N, C-alpha and C. Protein backbone atom coordinates (compact mmCIF):
# COMPACT_ATOMS: atom_id res chain seq x y z
N MET A 1 119.41 48.26 80.04
CA MET A 1 118.43 49.01 80.87
C MET A 1 117.39 48.03 81.46
N ASN A 2 117.08 48.21 82.76
CA ASN A 2 116.12 47.29 83.34
C ASN A 2 114.67 47.70 82.90
N ASN A 3 113.82 46.73 83.07
CA ASN A 3 112.43 46.86 82.55
C ASN A 3 111.67 48.09 83.15
N LYS A 4 111.90 48.40 84.41
CA LYS A 4 111.27 49.52 85.02
C LYS A 4 111.66 50.83 84.32
N LYS A 5 112.93 51.00 84.07
CA LYS A 5 113.39 52.16 83.31
C LYS A 5 112.93 52.23 81.85
N ILE A 6 112.85 51.09 81.27
CA ILE A 6 112.26 51.01 79.91
C ILE A 6 110.83 51.54 79.86
N TRP A 7 110.01 50.96 80.83
CA TRP A 7 108.62 51.37 80.87
C TRP A 7 108.45 52.92 81.18
N ILE A 8 109.29 53.44 82.10
CA ILE A 8 109.18 54.82 82.42
C ILE A 8 109.55 55.67 81.18
N LYS A 9 110.66 55.33 80.57
CA LYS A 9 111.07 56.11 79.42
C LYS A 9 110.07 55.95 78.26
N SER A 10 109.61 54.77 78.04
CA SER A 10 108.73 54.53 76.91
C SER A 10 107.39 55.32 77.02
N ILE A 11 106.87 55.44 78.26
CA ILE A 11 105.67 56.16 78.53
C ILE A 11 105.87 57.68 78.59
N LEU A 12 107.01 58.03 79.23
CA LEU A 12 107.24 59.48 79.45
C LEU A 12 107.65 60.24 78.17
N ILE A 13 108.29 59.58 77.28
CA ILE A 13 108.71 60.28 76.11
C ILE A 13 107.56 60.92 75.26
N PRO A 14 106.58 60.06 74.90
CA PRO A 14 105.50 60.73 74.11
C PRO A 14 104.68 61.67 75.00
N LEU A 15 104.48 61.33 76.29
CA LEU A 15 103.68 62.23 77.21
C LEU A 15 104.40 63.58 77.37
N ILE A 16 105.66 63.61 77.64
CA ILE A 16 106.37 64.84 77.83
C ILE A 16 106.45 65.63 76.57
N LEU A 17 106.77 64.98 75.42
CA LEU A 17 106.78 65.73 74.17
C LEU A 17 105.38 66.25 73.81
N GLY A 18 104.40 65.44 74.05
CA GLY A 18 102.98 66.02 73.80
C GLY A 18 102.64 67.15 74.68
N GLY A 19 103.13 67.12 75.91
CA GLY A 19 102.90 68.19 76.88
C GLY A 19 103.58 69.43 76.45
N ILE A 20 104.87 69.27 76.02
CA ILE A 20 105.59 70.47 75.50
C ILE A 20 104.90 71.12 74.37
N VAL A 21 104.46 70.27 73.41
CA VAL A 21 103.79 70.83 72.25
C VAL A 21 102.44 71.48 72.68
N GLY A 22 101.74 70.85 73.64
CA GLY A 22 100.50 71.41 74.21
C GLY A 22 100.76 72.79 74.83
N ILE A 23 101.83 72.94 75.55
CA ILE A 23 102.18 74.26 76.13
C ILE A 23 102.42 75.31 75.03
N ILE A 24 103.21 74.92 74.04
CA ILE A 24 103.51 75.85 72.96
C ILE A 24 102.20 76.25 72.24
N VAL A 25 101.37 75.28 71.94
CA VAL A 25 100.20 75.56 71.17
C VAL A 25 99.10 76.30 71.97
N SER A 26 99.14 76.13 73.31
CA SER A 26 98.09 76.77 74.10
C SER A 26 97.96 78.30 73.99
N LYS A 27 99.08 78.89 73.69
CA LYS A 27 99.07 80.36 73.43
C LYS A 27 98.39 80.79 72.11
N PHE A 28 98.18 79.81 71.30
CA PHE A 28 97.62 80.08 69.99
C PHE A 28 96.29 79.43 69.71
N MET A 29 95.80 78.75 70.75
CA MET A 29 94.61 77.89 70.66
C MET A 29 93.37 78.78 70.34
N ASP A 30 92.73 78.44 69.22
CA ASP A 30 91.48 79.19 68.78
C ASP A 30 90.29 78.21 68.63
N TYR A 31 90.45 76.99 69.12
CA TYR A 31 89.43 75.96 68.89
C TYR A 31 88.04 76.42 69.24
N ASN A 32 87.88 77.08 70.32
CA ASN A 32 86.53 77.50 70.81
C ASN A 32 85.94 78.64 69.94
N THR A 33 86.74 79.32 69.16
CA THR A 33 86.23 80.40 68.30
C THR A 33 85.93 79.93 66.86
N LEU A 34 86.31 78.72 66.58
CA LEU A 34 86.15 78.16 65.19
C LEU A 34 84.80 77.60 65.04
N GLN A 35 84.27 77.66 63.77
CA GLN A 35 83.11 76.96 63.43
C GLN A 35 83.53 75.50 63.28
N LYS A 36 82.79 74.51 63.85
CA LYS A 36 83.13 73.13 63.85
C LYS A 36 82.07 72.26 63.24
N PRO A 37 82.51 71.10 62.64
CA PRO A 37 81.55 70.20 62.10
C PRO A 37 80.80 69.48 63.16
N PRO A 38 79.64 68.82 62.74
CA PRO A 38 78.92 68.04 63.72
C PRO A 38 79.81 67.00 64.36
N LEU A 39 79.46 66.59 65.62
CA LEU A 39 80.15 65.63 66.41
C LEU A 39 81.48 66.14 67.01
N SER A 40 81.78 67.45 66.90
CA SER A 40 83.01 67.98 67.49
C SER A 40 82.93 67.98 68.95
N PRO A 41 83.88 67.38 69.59
CA PRO A 41 83.98 67.32 71.10
C PRO A 41 84.32 68.61 71.66
N PRO A 42 84.02 68.81 72.98
CA PRO A 42 84.42 70.06 73.64
C PRO A 42 86.01 70.04 73.74
N GLY A 43 86.59 71.23 73.72
CA GLY A 43 87.99 71.37 73.67
C GLY A 43 88.76 70.70 74.78
N PHE A 44 88.19 70.61 75.99
CA PHE A 44 88.91 70.01 77.10
C PHE A 44 89.17 68.52 76.91
N LEU A 45 88.31 67.89 76.08
CA LEU A 45 88.42 66.50 75.83
C LEU A 45 89.75 66.06 75.08
N PHE A 46 90.27 67.00 74.27
CA PHE A 46 91.45 66.61 73.52
C PHE A 46 92.65 66.32 74.34
N GLY A 47 92.92 67.07 75.34
CA GLY A 47 94.04 66.77 76.29
C GLY A 47 93.96 65.42 76.91
N ILE A 48 92.76 65.13 77.32
CA ILE A 48 92.51 63.79 77.97
C ILE A 48 92.74 62.67 76.97
N VAL A 49 92.13 62.79 75.78
CA VAL A 49 92.24 61.67 74.79
C VAL A 49 93.71 61.57 74.37
N TRP A 50 94.35 62.65 74.11
CA TRP A 50 95.77 62.55 73.66
C TRP A 50 96.72 62.05 74.74
N SER A 51 96.36 62.34 75.99
CA SER A 51 97.21 61.73 77.05
C SER A 51 97.04 60.18 77.09
N ILE A 52 95.83 59.72 76.95
CA ILE A 52 95.58 58.33 76.94
C ILE A 52 96.30 57.67 75.77
N LEU A 53 96.20 58.34 74.60
CA LEU A 53 96.81 57.77 73.36
C LEU A 53 98.31 57.78 73.50
N TYR A 54 98.91 58.80 74.09
CA TYR A 54 100.37 58.87 74.31
C TYR A 54 100.80 57.72 75.26
N ILE A 55 99.99 57.48 76.27
CA ILE A 55 100.32 56.39 77.19
C ILE A 55 100.26 55.05 76.45
N LEU A 56 99.15 54.82 75.65
CA LEU A 56 99.11 53.61 74.86
C LEU A 56 100.26 53.43 73.96
N MET A 57 100.67 54.59 73.30
CA MET A 57 101.83 54.56 72.35
C MET A 57 103.05 54.07 73.20
N GLY A 58 103.29 54.68 74.36
CA GLY A 58 104.40 54.25 75.16
C GLY A 58 104.34 52.86 75.60
N ILE A 59 103.20 52.37 75.99
CA ILE A 59 103.04 50.92 76.41
C ILE A 59 103.39 50.10 75.21
N SER A 60 102.85 50.42 74.09
CA SER A 60 103.08 49.63 72.87
C SER A 60 104.61 49.46 72.51
N TYR A 61 105.27 50.63 72.61
CA TYR A 61 106.75 50.63 72.33
C TYR A 61 107.42 49.97 73.47
N GLY A 62 107.04 50.10 74.72
CA GLY A 62 107.60 49.44 75.85
C GLY A 62 107.55 47.91 75.79
N ILE A 63 106.44 47.43 75.26
CA ILE A 63 106.29 45.97 75.04
C ILE A 63 107.42 45.48 74.11
N LEU A 64 107.61 46.20 73.06
CA LEU A 64 108.59 45.78 72.08
C LEU A 64 110.06 45.85 72.68
N GLU A 65 110.25 46.93 73.42
CA GLU A 65 111.57 47.15 74.05
C GLU A 65 111.89 46.11 75.09
N THR A 66 110.91 45.93 75.97
CA THR A 66 111.24 44.89 77.02
C THR A 66 111.38 43.49 76.48
N LYS A 67 110.82 43.16 75.36
CA LYS A 67 110.91 41.89 74.66
C LYS A 67 112.12 41.86 73.78
N LYS A 68 112.86 42.95 73.67
CA LYS A 68 114.05 43.12 72.86
C LYS A 68 113.70 42.93 71.36
N LEU A 69 112.64 43.53 70.97
CA LEU A 69 112.11 43.42 69.53
C LEU A 69 112.26 44.68 68.87
N VAL A 70 112.91 45.66 69.47
CA VAL A 70 113.08 47.02 68.84
C VAL A 70 114.35 46.89 67.94
N ASP A 71 114.13 47.35 66.61
CA ASP A 71 115.19 47.39 65.69
C ASP A 71 115.05 48.72 64.94
N TYR A 72 115.86 48.95 63.96
CA TYR A 72 115.86 50.16 63.12
C TYR A 72 114.44 50.45 62.54
N ARG A 73 113.81 49.43 61.99
CA ARG A 73 112.49 49.61 61.38
C ARG A 73 111.45 50.05 62.43
N VAL A 74 111.40 49.39 63.58
CA VAL A 74 110.55 49.79 64.66
C VAL A 74 110.81 51.23 65.06
N ASN A 75 112.01 51.57 65.34
CA ASN A 75 112.33 52.93 65.74
C ASN A 75 111.99 53.93 64.60
N LYS A 76 112.20 53.65 63.42
CA LYS A 76 111.84 54.57 62.27
C LYS A 76 110.38 54.74 62.32
N ALA A 77 109.56 53.69 62.36
CA ALA A 77 108.13 53.77 62.23
C ALA A 77 107.62 54.51 63.43
N TYR A 78 108.07 54.23 64.62
CA TYR A 78 107.56 54.87 65.84
C TYR A 78 107.94 56.30 65.92
N TYR A 79 109.14 56.69 65.77
CA TYR A 79 109.62 58.07 65.91
C TYR A 79 109.15 58.95 64.72
N LEU A 80 108.99 58.35 63.51
CA LEU A 80 108.47 59.13 62.38
C LEU A 80 107.03 59.53 62.67
N GLN A 81 106.21 58.65 63.05
CA GLN A 81 104.82 59.00 63.36
C GLN A 81 104.68 59.95 64.48
N LEU A 82 105.57 59.78 65.50
CA LEU A 82 105.56 60.74 66.65
C LEU A 82 105.93 62.10 66.23
N ILE A 83 106.94 62.27 65.38
CA ILE A 83 107.35 63.59 64.96
C ILE A 83 106.22 64.24 64.08
N ILE A 84 105.63 63.39 63.21
CA ILE A 84 104.42 63.95 62.38
C ILE A 84 103.37 64.35 63.28
N ASN A 85 103.02 63.50 64.31
CA ASN A 85 102.04 63.80 65.26
C ASN A 85 102.26 65.12 65.99
N LEU A 86 103.45 65.29 66.47
CA LEU A 86 103.78 66.52 67.26
C LEU A 86 103.78 67.77 66.41
N LEU A 87 104.02 67.67 65.17
CA LEU A 87 104.08 68.87 64.33
C LEU A 87 102.66 69.31 63.90
N TRP A 88 101.72 68.34 63.88
CA TRP A 88 100.38 68.72 63.46
C TRP A 88 99.74 69.83 64.23
N PRO A 89 99.65 69.85 65.54
CA PRO A 89 99.06 70.99 66.27
C PRO A 89 99.71 72.31 66.03
N ILE A 90 100.98 72.24 65.76
CA ILE A 90 101.78 73.48 65.51
C ILE A 90 101.38 74.05 64.15
N LEU A 91 101.23 73.14 63.18
CA LEU A 91 100.78 73.63 61.82
C LEU A 91 99.36 74.11 61.90
N PHE A 92 98.50 73.48 62.71
CA PHE A 92 97.09 73.79 62.71
C PHE A 92 96.80 75.03 63.54
N PHE A 93 97.32 75.06 64.76
CA PHE A 93 97.08 76.14 65.64
C PHE A 93 98.00 77.33 65.64
N VAL A 94 99.30 77.03 65.56
CA VAL A 94 100.26 78.14 65.66
C VAL A 94 100.33 78.86 64.28
N PHE A 95 100.49 78.19 63.24
CA PHE A 95 100.62 78.70 61.90
C PHE A 95 99.25 78.91 61.19
N LYS A 96 98.17 78.22 61.69
CA LYS A 96 96.85 78.31 61.13
C LYS A 96 96.82 77.88 59.70
N TRP A 97 97.70 76.89 59.39
CA TRP A 97 97.70 76.30 58.02
C TRP A 97 96.69 75.19 58.00
N ARG A 98 95.40 75.54 57.92
CA ARG A 98 94.38 74.54 58.03
C ARG A 98 94.35 73.56 56.87
N LEU A 99 94.46 74.07 55.61
CA LEU A 99 94.50 73.10 54.46
C LEU A 99 95.69 72.27 54.58
N PHE A 100 96.86 72.81 54.73
CA PHE A 100 98.12 71.98 54.86
C PHE A 100 97.95 70.97 55.99
N SER A 101 97.29 71.37 57.07
CA SER A 101 97.08 70.45 58.18
C SER A 101 96.27 69.23 57.83
N CYS A 102 95.34 69.48 56.83
CA CYS A 102 94.60 68.34 56.36
C CYS A 102 95.47 67.31 55.63
N ILE A 103 96.35 67.77 54.80
CA ILE A 103 97.27 66.93 54.13
C ILE A 103 98.27 66.25 55.16
N TRP A 104 98.66 67.03 56.12
CA TRP A 104 99.64 66.52 57.09
C TRP A 104 98.97 65.42 57.98
N ILE A 105 97.69 65.62 58.34
CA ILE A 105 97.10 64.56 59.19
C ILE A 105 96.81 63.26 58.38
N ILE A 106 96.70 63.42 57.09
CA ILE A 106 96.58 62.22 56.23
C ILE A 106 97.93 61.50 56.19
N LEU A 107 99.00 62.28 56.16
CA LEU A 107 100.36 61.72 56.24
C LEU A 107 100.48 60.96 57.59
N LEU A 108 99.97 61.55 58.63
CA LEU A 108 100.00 60.92 59.93
C LEU A 108 99.29 59.56 59.96
N ILE A 109 98.08 59.56 59.30
CA ILE A 109 97.36 58.29 59.30
C ILE A 109 98.22 57.23 58.56
N ILE A 110 98.80 57.61 57.48
CA ILE A 110 99.71 56.65 56.75
C ILE A 110 100.83 56.16 57.65
N ALA A 111 101.49 57.12 58.36
CA ALA A 111 102.53 56.74 59.24
C ALA A 111 102.10 55.83 60.39
N ILE A 112 100.87 56.01 60.88
CA ILE A 112 100.37 55.17 61.96
C ILE A 112 100.09 53.79 61.47
N ILE A 113 99.50 53.72 60.22
CA ILE A 113 99.27 52.42 59.59
C ILE A 113 100.56 51.66 59.40
N TYR A 114 101.56 52.38 58.94
CA TYR A 114 102.91 51.78 58.75
C TYR A 114 103.43 51.28 60.03
N MET A 115 103.35 52.06 61.12
CA MET A 115 103.80 51.67 62.43
C MET A 115 103.10 50.44 62.95
N ILE A 116 101.74 50.42 62.71
CA ILE A 116 100.95 49.26 63.15
C ILE A 116 101.38 47.95 62.52
N ILE A 117 101.67 48.08 61.19
CA ILE A 117 102.14 46.90 60.33
C ILE A 117 103.48 46.42 60.92
N VAL A 118 104.42 47.34 61.16
CA VAL A 118 105.76 47.07 61.62
C VAL A 118 105.70 46.42 63.00
N PHE A 119 104.86 47.06 63.87
CA PHE A 119 104.69 46.47 65.24
C PHE A 119 104.07 45.09 65.20
N TYR A 120 103.04 44.93 64.32
CA TYR A 120 102.35 43.64 64.22
C TYR A 120 103.28 42.43 63.84
N ARG A 121 104.26 42.80 63.17
CA ARG A 121 105.25 41.72 62.68
C ARG A 121 106.09 41.30 63.86
N LYS A 122 106.21 42.19 64.87
CA LYS A 122 106.99 41.93 66.04
C LYS A 122 106.21 41.35 67.20
N ASN A 123 105.03 42.02 67.50
CA ASN A 123 104.19 41.62 68.55
C ASN A 123 102.80 42.19 68.36
N LYS A 124 101.85 41.29 68.25
CA LYS A 124 100.51 41.62 67.90
C LYS A 124 99.83 42.65 68.92
N LEU A 125 100.03 42.46 70.16
CA LEU A 125 99.46 43.29 71.23
C LEU A 125 99.99 44.77 71.01
N SER A 126 101.26 44.94 70.74
CA SER A 126 101.82 46.29 70.59
C SER A 126 101.15 46.94 69.37
N ALA A 127 100.77 46.18 68.35
CA ALA A 127 100.05 46.74 67.22
C ALA A 127 98.64 47.09 67.58
N TYR A 128 97.94 46.14 68.26
CA TYR A 128 96.51 46.41 68.58
C TYR A 128 96.37 47.59 69.51
N LEU A 129 97.34 47.94 70.37
CA LEU A 129 97.25 49.02 71.31
C LEU A 129 97.27 50.42 70.46
N GLN A 130 97.65 50.36 69.16
CA GLN A 130 97.67 51.59 68.33
C GLN A 130 96.34 51.77 67.64
N ILE A 131 95.45 50.84 67.69
CA ILE A 131 94.18 51.04 66.95
C ILE A 131 93.36 52.22 67.46
N PRO A 132 93.24 52.37 68.76
CA PRO A 132 92.49 53.68 69.23
C PRO A 132 93.19 54.93 68.68
N TYR A 133 94.47 54.95 68.61
CA TYR A 133 95.18 56.14 68.03
C TYR A 133 94.87 56.31 66.59
N LEU A 134 94.86 55.23 65.81
CA LEU A 134 94.48 55.32 64.42
C LEU A 134 93.01 55.83 64.26
N LEU A 135 92.12 55.27 65.04
CA LEU A 135 90.67 55.68 64.95
C LEU A 135 90.48 57.11 65.34
N TRP A 136 91.17 57.55 66.41
CA TRP A 136 91.04 58.96 66.84
C TRP A 136 91.59 59.89 65.75
N THR A 137 92.74 59.46 65.14
CA THR A 137 93.32 60.31 64.14
C THR A 137 92.48 60.39 62.88
N ILE A 138 91.79 59.37 62.53
CA ILE A 138 90.82 59.35 61.41
C ILE A 138 89.66 60.35 61.82
N PHE A 139 89.16 60.36 63.00
CA PHE A 139 88.15 61.30 63.54
C PHE A 139 88.75 62.65 63.45
N ALA A 140 89.99 62.87 63.94
CA ALA A 140 90.59 64.19 63.93
C ALA A 140 90.78 64.73 62.48
N THR A 141 90.98 63.82 61.54
CA THR A 141 91.04 64.22 60.12
C THR A 141 89.66 64.84 59.67
N TYR A 142 88.61 64.08 60.08
CA TYR A 142 87.27 64.68 59.78
C TYR A 142 87.07 66.05 60.41
N LEU A 143 87.49 66.20 61.65
CA LEU A 143 87.39 67.53 62.31
C LEU A 143 88.28 68.56 61.63
N ASN A 144 89.45 68.19 61.24
CA ASN A 144 90.43 69.11 60.54
C ASN A 144 89.77 69.62 59.21
N ILE A 145 89.32 68.65 58.46
CA ILE A 145 88.71 68.95 57.18
C ILE A 145 87.51 69.87 57.35
N GLY A 146 86.63 69.47 58.34
CA GLY A 146 85.46 70.33 58.68
C GLY A 146 85.81 71.73 59.06
N VAL A 147 86.77 71.84 59.91
CA VAL A 147 87.16 73.20 60.41
C VAL A 147 87.71 74.00 59.18
N TYR A 148 88.51 73.32 58.34
CA TYR A 148 89.01 74.08 57.19
C TYR A 148 87.87 74.54 56.34
N LEU A 149 86.95 73.67 55.96
CA LEU A 149 85.81 74.04 55.09
C LEU A 149 84.92 75.08 55.69
N LEU A 150 84.70 75.06 56.99
CA LEU A 150 83.72 76.01 57.63
C LEU A 150 84.41 77.31 58.00
N ASN A 151 85.72 77.41 57.97
CA ASN A 151 86.40 78.64 58.38
C ASN A 151 87.25 79.28 57.27
N ARG A 152 86.98 78.99 56.06
CA ARG A 152 87.85 79.52 55.03
C ARG A 152 87.63 81.00 54.82
């Protein structure tokens, strides 16, 4: 596969999957009706932030793929965290499993850290591009726990 196709595929996969989950979740979205902890951003910001993070995710994976550094471990780390990521909004908004979502998002943080370590061993830049994702997910964990505690 040529580099142009690799980049398109790498960036579009997380963006499209995130968009599909966003469409599914939008019918169940209750963020504006929930009591939220301090520092909670407005609802519209989440789509913007997640789009940027999905693009960074794709760029990070694209770096590894274009340099032919993708192996079983890279794929496992990348797609595992992506699946955990994509399931979180369904658990939180569709099923309204707020407490379970707290546990799930902590699992996501662990998966992101694992991915960063695996990527770092292959290419430092691809790992560093995941730091905003890790930081945002830690912040999202604070929000998730806060929403759970304030809306029980």
